[in-house]
Amino acid sequence: MEILLVFSNIVEPVLLSQGGPDWDKPLASENQETFLEGFKKVALCVAERLKEQPVIVAHSENTFDGSGVKRLLSNKFEFDKTLNSVVENLPKDKNGKISKEYLRLALDGVSPSAGLPPFGAIEEMYKVIGEVFKMMNVDYAKMVKDDEFKKLLTEILGSIILQLEGNSISVSSNSVVHEPLGSSSSLLKPSTTETAA
C-alpha cells in the first residue's frame, strides 16, 4: 500500500509530465539510447521531487531467539498473570474443563508478552510452532482442567525456546512514513505573536 502511495504521489506525476498521458504505453520502436535518455530525465525529475517531498522509510528488524519467552517464564508473577488472563477467556465445558484444541489460541494470547509474533504472521515461526505441537503430540479431543492446560502451555513455550535457541528467526520490514518529520506536528513549530502598538 505504501509503495502505491509513493508511486501515485511522486513517480506518476513525473511520468505524466515527462511522457504525457500515454506514458504507460509500449514505446514504438525506440532504440536503447532514446530509452536511456528518457529514463535519465524521469529519474532526475523523481530525485528533484523527492527533495521537495521527502519520503521517510522506517526499517525494523526483529529476531526471535526465545529470549522474550525466557524473560516471561522467569518472571513468575507476570507469567501467572498472563496465563490466568488468557485461560479465563477460553470456553469451558459444564465441568470447567478446557479443550486442548484451544492451545494455539492460548499461545496466541500469550505471544505479545512472550515477544512472539501473532500465530501465522511469520511463516518461519508458524513452522516452528507447528513442529513444537507435532513433537508434543497433543490429543486435541481431550478436555483438561485449568492447571493441566497451563502446564501444557508452559511446556509448549519451553519447547519454543529450545527450537529458537537452536535456530533463531530474523525478520525485517520497511514501511513508508507518510509525513516528513518537519511537518508532522504543529506543536513543535514556534509560534509568532504580534504585539499591538
C-alpha atoms as a PDB file:
ATOM      1  CA  MET A   1       0.000   0.000   0.000  1.00  0.00           C
ATOM      2  CA  GLU A   2       2.770   2.458   0.918  1.00  0.00           C
ATOM      3  CA  ILE A   3       4.535   1.732  -2.380  1.00  0.00           C
ATOM      4  CA  LEU A   4       1.335   2.605  -4.247  1.00  0.00           C
ATOM      5  CA  LEU A   5       1.109   5.918  -2.388  1.00  0.00           C
ATOM      6  CA  VAL A   6       4.702   6.771  -3.237  1.00  0.00           C
ATOM      7  CA  PHE A   7       4.065   5.816  -6.850  1.00  0.00           C
ATOM      8  CA  SER A   8       0.859   7.866  -7.144  1.00  0.00           C
ATOM      9  CA  ASN A   9       2.225  10.906  -5.255  1.00  0.00           C
ATOM     10  CA  ILE A  10       5.803  11.045  -6.558  1.00  0.00           C
ATOM     11  CA  VAL A  11       6.531   8.853  -9.575  1.00  0.00           C
ATOM     12  CA  GLU A  12       3.288   9.013 -11.572  1.00  0.00           C
ATOM     13  CA  PRO A  13       3.114  12.838 -11.714  1.00  0.00           C
ATOM     14  CA  VAL A  14       6.695  12.876 -13.042  1.00  0.00           C
ATOM     15  CA  LEU A  15       5.882  10.225 -15.649  1.00  0.00           C
ATOM     16  CA  LEU A  16       2.834  12.228 -16.737  1.00  0.00           C
ATOM     17  CA  SER A  17       4.864  15.440 -17.013  1.00  0.00           C
ATOM     18  CA  GLN A  18       7.657  13.764 -18.982  1.00  0.00           C
ATOM     19  CA  GLY A  19       5.764  11.209 -21.074  1.00  0.00           C
ATOM     20  CA  GLY A  20       2.289  12.644 -21.310  1.00  0.00           C
ATOM     21  CA  PRO A  21      -0.946  10.736 -20.778  1.00  0.00           C
ATOM     22  CA  ASP A  22       0.363   7.711 -22.736  1.00  0.00           C
ATOM     23  CA  TRP A  23       3.451   7.257 -20.536  1.00  0.00           C
ATOM     24  CA  ASP A  24       2.456   3.667 -19.707  1.00  0.00           C
ATOM     25  CA  LYS A  25       2.055   2.535 -23.341  1.00  0.00           C
ATOM     26  CA  PRO A  26       4.825   0.478 -25.007  1.00  0.00           C
ATOM     27  CA  LEU A  27       7.395   2.539 -26.878  1.00  0.00           C
ATOM     28  CA  ALA A  28       7.111   2.311 -30.638  1.00  0.00           C
ATOM     29  CA  SER A  29      10.468   1.112 -31.993  1.00  0.00           C
ATOM     30  CA  GLU A  30      12.508   3.288 -29.626  1.00  0.00           C
ATOM     31  CA  ASN A  31      16.179   2.446 -29.539  1.00  0.00           C
ATOM     32  CA  GLN A  32      18.114   1.805 -26.365  1.00  0.00           C
ATOM     33  CA  GLU A  33      19.802   5.219 -26.393  1.00  0.00           C
ATOM     34  CA  THR A  34      16.495   7.095 -26.624  1.00  0.00           C
ATOM     35  CA  PHE A  35      15.038   4.966 -23.838  1.00  0.00           C
ATOM     36  CA  LEU A  36      18.034   5.592 -21.553  1.00  0.00           C
ATOM     37  CA  GLU A  37      17.862   9.336 -22.208  1.00  0.00           C
ATOM     38  CA  GLY A  38      14.158   9.394 -21.288  1.00  0.00           C
ATOM     39  CA  PHE A  39      14.780   7.223 -18.238  1.00  0.00           C
ATOM     40  CA  LYS A  40      17.547   9.566 -17.076  1.00  0.00           C
ATOM     41  CA  LYS A  41      15.196  12.569 -17.372  1.00  0.00           C
ATOM     42  CA  VAL A  42      12.489  10.818 -15.374  1.00  0.00           C
ATOM     43  CA  ALA A  43      14.947   9.648 -12.699  1.00  0.00           C
ATOM     44  CA  LEU A  44      16.314  13.182 -12.271  1.00  0.00           C
ATOM     45  CA  CYS A  45      12.786  14.599 -12.001  1.00  0.00           C
ATOM     46  CA  VAL A  46      11.847  11.952  -9.403  1.00  0.00           C
ATOM     47  CA  ALA A  47      15.001  12.830  -7.432  1.00  0.00           C
ATOM     48  CA  GLU A  48      14.066  16.517  -7.582  1.00  0.00           C
ATOM     49  CA  ARG A  49      10.516  15.769  -6.468  1.00  0.00           C
ATOM     50  CA  LEU A  50      11.832  13.687  -3.556  1.00  0.00           C
ATOM     51  CA  LYS A  51      13.919  16.682  -2.455  1.00  0.00           C
ATOM     52  CA  GLU A  52      10.697  18.724  -2.317  1.00  0.00           C
ATOM     53  CA  GLN A  53       8.574  15.920  -0.807  1.00  0.00           C
ATOM     54  CA  PRO A  54      10.868  13.544   1.054  1.00  0.00           C
ATOM     55  CA  VAL A  55       9.653  10.027   1.719  1.00  0.00           C
ATOM     56  CA  ILE A  56      10.751   8.616   5.045  1.00  0.00           C
ATOM     57  CA  VAL A  57      11.194   4.865   5.256  1.00  0.00           C
ATOM     58  CA  ALA A  58      11.174   3.180   8.656  1.00  0.00           C
ATOM     59  CA  HIS A  59      13.188  -0.032   8.859  1.00  0.00           C
ATOM     60  CA  SER A  60      12.522  -2.523  11.603  1.00  0.00           C
ATOM     61  CA  GLU A  61      14.206  -5.795  12.368  1.00  0.00           C
ATOM     62  CA  ASN A  62      13.068  -8.434  14.851  1.00  0.00           C
ATOM     63  CA  THR A  63      14.956 -11.510  15.924  1.00  0.00           C
ATOM     64  CA  PHE A  64      13.010 -14.295  17.569  1.00  0.00           C
ATOM     65  CA  ASP A  65      15.569 -16.248  19.581  1.00  0.00           C
ATOM     66  CA  GLY A  66      13.484 -17.355  22.561  1.00  0.00           C
ATOM     67  CA  SER A  67      14.776 -14.609  24.877  1.00  0.00           C
ATOM     68  CA  GLY A  68      11.322 -12.988  25.183  1.00  0.00           C
ATOM     69  CA  VAL A  69       9.790 -16.325  26.177  1.00  0.00           C
ATOM     70  CA  LYS A  70      12.609 -16.915  28.688  1.00  0.00           C
ATOM     71  CA  ARG A  71      12.067 -13.481  30.193  1.00  0.00           C
ATOM     72  CA  LEU A  72       8.341 -14.154  30.598  1.00  0.00           C
ATOM     73  CA  LEU A  73       8.881 -17.614  32.127  1.00  0.00           C
ATOM     74  CA  SER A  74      11.485 -16.258  34.559  1.00  0.00           C
ATOM     75  CA  ASN A  75       9.040 -13.694  35.982  1.00  0.00           C
ATOM     76  CA  LYS A  76       6.570 -15.946  37.823  1.00  0.00           C
ATOM     77  CA  PHE A  77       4.192 -13.102  38.763  1.00  0.00           C
ATOM     78  CA  GLU A  78       3.922 -11.757  35.203  1.00  0.00           C
ATOM     79  CA  PHE A  79       3.710 -15.253  33.708  1.00  0.00           C
ATOM     80  CA  ASP A  80       0.940 -16.387  36.088  1.00  0.00           C
ATOM     81  CA  LYS A  81      -0.983 -13.161  35.483  1.00  0.00           C
ATOM     82  CA  THR A  82      -0.683 -13.618  31.685  1.00  0.00           C
ATOM     83  CA  LEU A  83      -1.687 -17.298  31.821  1.00  0.00           C
ATOM     84  CA  ASN A  84      -4.661 -16.592  34.073  1.00  0.00           C
ATOM     85  CA  SER A  85      -5.858 -13.797  31.806  1.00  0.00           C
ATOM     86  CA  VAL A  86      -5.628 -15.984  28.712  1.00  0.00           C
ATOM     87  CA  VAL A  87      -7.154 -19.110  30.270  1.00  0.00           C
ATOM     88  CA  GLU A  88     -10.083 -17.327  31.935  1.00  0.00           C
ATOM     89  CA  ASN A  89     -11.255 -16.119  28.498  1.00  0.00           C
ATOM     90  CA  LEU A  90     -11.293 -19.600  26.928  1.00  0.00           C
ATOM     91  CA  PRO A  91     -14.559 -21.539  26.565  1.00  0.00           C
ATOM     92  CA  LYS A  92     -15.057 -24.254  29.176  1.00  0.00           C
ATOM     93  CA  ASP A  93     -17.458 -27.170  29.397  1.00  0.00           C
ATOM     94  CA  LYS A  94     -20.002 -27.608  32.213  1.00  0.00           C
ATOM     95  CA  ASN A  95     -17.272 -29.141  34.429  1.00  0.00           C
ATOM     96  CA  GLY A  96     -14.958 -26.162  33.902  1.00  0.00           C
ATOM     97  CA  LYS A  97     -12.606 -28.100  31.620  1.00  0.00           C
ATOM     98  CA  ILE A  98     -10.915 -26.667  28.529  1.00  0.00           C
ATOM     99  CA  SER A  99     -10.408 -28.454  25.228  1.00  0.00           C
ATOM    100  CA  LYS A 100      -6.784 -28.860  24.185  1.00  0.00           C
ATOM    101  CA  GLU A 101      -7.826 -27.558  20.780  1.00  0.00           C
ATOM    102  CA  TYR A 102      -7.578 -24.069  22.325  1.00  0.00           C
ATOM    103  CA  LEU A 103      -3.822 -24.378  22.967  1.00  0.00           C
ATOM    104  CA  ARG A 104      -2.931 -22.469  19.791  1.00  0.00           C
ATOM    105  CA  LEU A 105      -5.419 -19.747  20.656  1.00  0.00           C
ATOM    106  CA  ALA A 106      -3.971 -19.549  24.171  1.00  0.00           C
ATOM    107  CA  LEU A 107      -0.439 -19.411  22.754  1.00  0.00           C
ATOM    108  CA  ASP A 108      -1.530 -16.506  20.562  1.00  0.00           C
ATOM    109  CA  GLY A 109      -2.858 -14.761  23.679  1.00  0.00           C
ATOM    110  CA  VAL A 110       0.483 -15.225  25.467  1.00  0.00           C
ATOM    111  CA  SER A 111       2.589 -14.266  22.424  1.00  0.00           C
ATOM    112  CA  PRO A 112       2.695 -10.466  22.954  1.00  0.00           C
ATOM    113  CA  SER A 113       4.033 -10.927  26.499  1.00  0.00           C
ATOM    114  CA  ALA A 114       6.495 -13.572  25.277  1.00  0.00           C
ATOM    115  CA  GLY A 115       7.932 -11.450  22.474  1.00  0.00           C
ATOM    116  CA  LEU A 116       6.444 -13.714  19.798  1.00  0.00           C
ATOM    117  CA  PRO A 117       4.549 -12.642  16.680  1.00  0.00           C
ATOM    118  CA  PRO A 118       0.836 -13.426  16.271  1.00  0.00           C
ATOM    119  CA  PHE A 119       0.261 -17.029  15.196  1.00  0.00           C
ATOM    120  CA  GLY A 120       0.586 -17.349  11.435  1.00  0.00           C
ATOM    121  CA  ALA A 121       2.009 -13.847  10.886  1.00  0.00           C
ATOM    122  CA  ILE A 122       5.546 -15.066  10.108  1.00  0.00           C
ATOM    123  CA  GLU A 123       5.884 -18.251   8.094  1.00  0.00           C
ATOM    124  CA  GLU A 124       9.117 -19.393   9.767  1.00  0.00           C
ATOM    125  CA  MET A 125       7.584 -19.002  13.237  1.00  0.00           C
ATOM    126  CA  TYR A 126       4.445 -20.787  12.035  1.00  0.00           C
ATOM    127  CA  LYS A 127       6.647 -23.751  11.078  1.00  0.00           C
ATOM    128  CA  VAL A 128       8.492 -23.713  14.428  1.00  0.00           C
ATOM    129  CA  ILE A 129       5.225 -23.709  16.366  1.00  0.00           C
ATOM    130  CA  GLY A 130       3.825 -26.440  14.099  1.00  0.00           C
ATOM    131  CA  GLU A 131       6.900 -28.583  14.864  1.00  0.00           C
ATOM    132  CA  VAL A 132       6.520 -27.972  18.599  1.00  0.00           C
ATOM    133  CA  PHE A 133       2.867 -29.054  18.534  1.00  0.00           C
ATOM    134  CA  LYS A 134       3.800 -32.115  16.460  1.00  0.00           C
ATOM    135  CA  MET A 135       6.544 -33.072  18.959  1.00  0.00           C
ATOM    136  CA  MET A 136       4.176 -32.581  21.908  1.00  0.00           C
ATOM    137  CA  ASN A 137       1.693 -34.972  20.245  1.00  0.00           C
ATOM    138  CA  VAL A 138      -1.275 -33.125  21.749  1.00  0.00           C
ATOM    139  CA  ASP A 139      -4.595 -35.011  21.833  1.00  0.00           C
ATOM    140  CA  TYR A 140      -6.877 -32.145  20.792  1.00  0.00           C
ATOM    141  CA  ALA A 141     -10.073 -34.042  21.617  1.00  0.00           C
ATOM    142  CA  LYS A 142      -9.170 -34.288  25.311  1.00  0.00           C
ATOM    143  CA  MET A 143     -10.626 -31.903  27.880  1.00  0.00           C
ATOM    144  CA  VAL A 144      -8.401 -30.822  30.785  1.00  0.00           C
ATOM    145  CA  LYS A 145      -8.605 -28.718  33.922  1.00  0.00           C
ATOM    146  CA  ASP A 146      -7.089 -25.214  34.031  1.00  0.00           C
ATOM    147  CA  ASP A 147      -3.912 -26.358  35.790  1.00  0.00           C
ATOM    148  CA  GLU A 148      -3.141 -29.081  33.238  1.00  0.00           C
ATOM    149  CA  PHE A 149      -3.914 -26.684  30.386  1.00  0.00           C
ATOM    150  CA  LYS A 150      -1.491 -24.113  31.842  1.00  0.00           C
ATOM    151  CA  LYS A 151       1.145 -26.817  32.321  1.00  0.00           C
ATOM    152  CA  LEU A 152       0.823 -27.872  28.657  1.00  0.00           C
ATOM    153  CA  LEU A 153       1.061 -24.260  27.504  1.00  0.00           C
ATOM    154  CA  THR A 154       4.182 -23.795  29.660  1.00  0.00           C
ATOM    155  CA  GLU A 155       5.755 -26.914  28.108  1.00  0.00           C
ATOM    156  CA  ILE A 156       4.938 -25.598  24.628  1.00  0.00           C
ATOM    157  CA  LEU A 157       6.641 -22.291  25.459  1.00  0.00           C
ATOM    158  CA  GLY A 158       9.693 -24.194  26.774  1.00  0.00           C
ATOM    159  CA  SER A 159       9.871 -26.190  23.525  1.00  0.00           C
ATOM    160  CA  ILE A 160       9.632 -22.978  21.508  1.00  0.00           C
ATOM    161  CA  ILE A 161      12.644 -21.635  23.442  1.00  0.00           C
ATOM    162  CA  LEU A 162      14.643 -24.762  22.553  1.00  0.00           C
ATOM    163  CA  GLN A 163      13.660 -24.520  18.882  1.00  0.00           C
ATOM    164  CA  LEU A 164      14.562 -20.819  18.639  1.00  0.00           C
ATOM    165  CA  GLU A 165      17.825 -21.156  20.568  1.00  0.00           C
ATOM    166  CA  GLY A 166      18.926 -23.725  18.014  1.00  0.00           C
ATOM    167  CA  ASN A 167      17.794 -21.664  15.049  1.00  0.00           C
ATOM    168  CA  SER A 168      16.713 -18.050  15.646  1.00  0.00           C
ATOM    169  CA  ILE A 169      14.469 -16.311  13.123  1.00  0.00           C
ATOM    170  CA  SER A 170      15.182 -12.773  11.892  1.00  0.00           C
ATOM    171  CA  VAL A 171      12.546 -10.720  10.140  1.00  0.00           C
ATOM    172  CA  SER A 172      12.999  -7.250   8.687  1.00  0.00           C
ATOM    173  CA  SER A 173      10.495  -4.896   7.147  1.00  0.00           C
ATOM    174  CA  ASN A 174      10.350  -1.439   5.631  1.00  0.00           C
ATOM    175  CA  SER A 175       7.395   0.889   5.722  1.00  0.00           C
ATOM    176  CA  VAL A 176       6.885   4.371   4.382  1.00  0.00           C
ATOM    177  CA  VAL A 177       6.141   7.111   6.867  1.00  0.00           C
ATOM    178  CA  HIS A 178       3.739   9.376   5.023  1.00  0.00           C
ATOM    179  CA  GLU A 179       4.607  12.755   6.507  1.00  0.00           C
ATOM    180  CA  PRO A 180       8.097  14.189   6.630  1.00  0.00           C
ATOM    181  CA  LEU A 181       9.267  14.842  10.186  1.00  0.00           C
ATOM    182  CA  GLY A 182       9.280  18.613   9.701  1.00  0.00           C
ATOM    183  CA  SER A 183       5.546  18.830   9.052  1.00  0.00           C
ATOM    184  CA  SER A 184       4.320  16.019  11.277  1.00  0.00           C
ATOM    185  CA  SER A 185       3.359  18.198  14.215  1.00  0.00           C
ATOM    186  CA  SER A 186       2.320  21.774  14.606  1.00  0.00           C
ATOM    187  CA  LEU A 187       3.010  21.541  18.347  1.00  0.00           C
ATOM    188  CA  LEU A 188       6.738  21.776  17.781  1.00  0.00           C
ATOM    189  CA  LYS A 189       6.624  24.781  15.469  1.00  0.00           C
ATOM    190  CA  PRO A 190       7.483  28.086  17.067  1.00  0.00           C
ATOM    191  CA  SER A 191       4.532  30.420  17.331  1.00  0.00           C
ATOM    192  CA  THR A 192       4.728  34.054  16.375  1.00  0.00           C
ATOM    193  CA  THR A 193       2.913  36.592  18.427  1.00  0.00           C
ATOM    194  CA  GLU A 194       2.127  40.091  17.344  1.00  0.00           C
ATOM    195  CA  THR A 195       2.136  42.922  19.803  1.00  0.00           C
ATOM    196  CA  ALA A 196      -0.274  45.784  19.435  1.00  0.00           C
ATOM    197  CA  ALA A 197       1.286  49.202  19.078  1.00  0.00           C
END
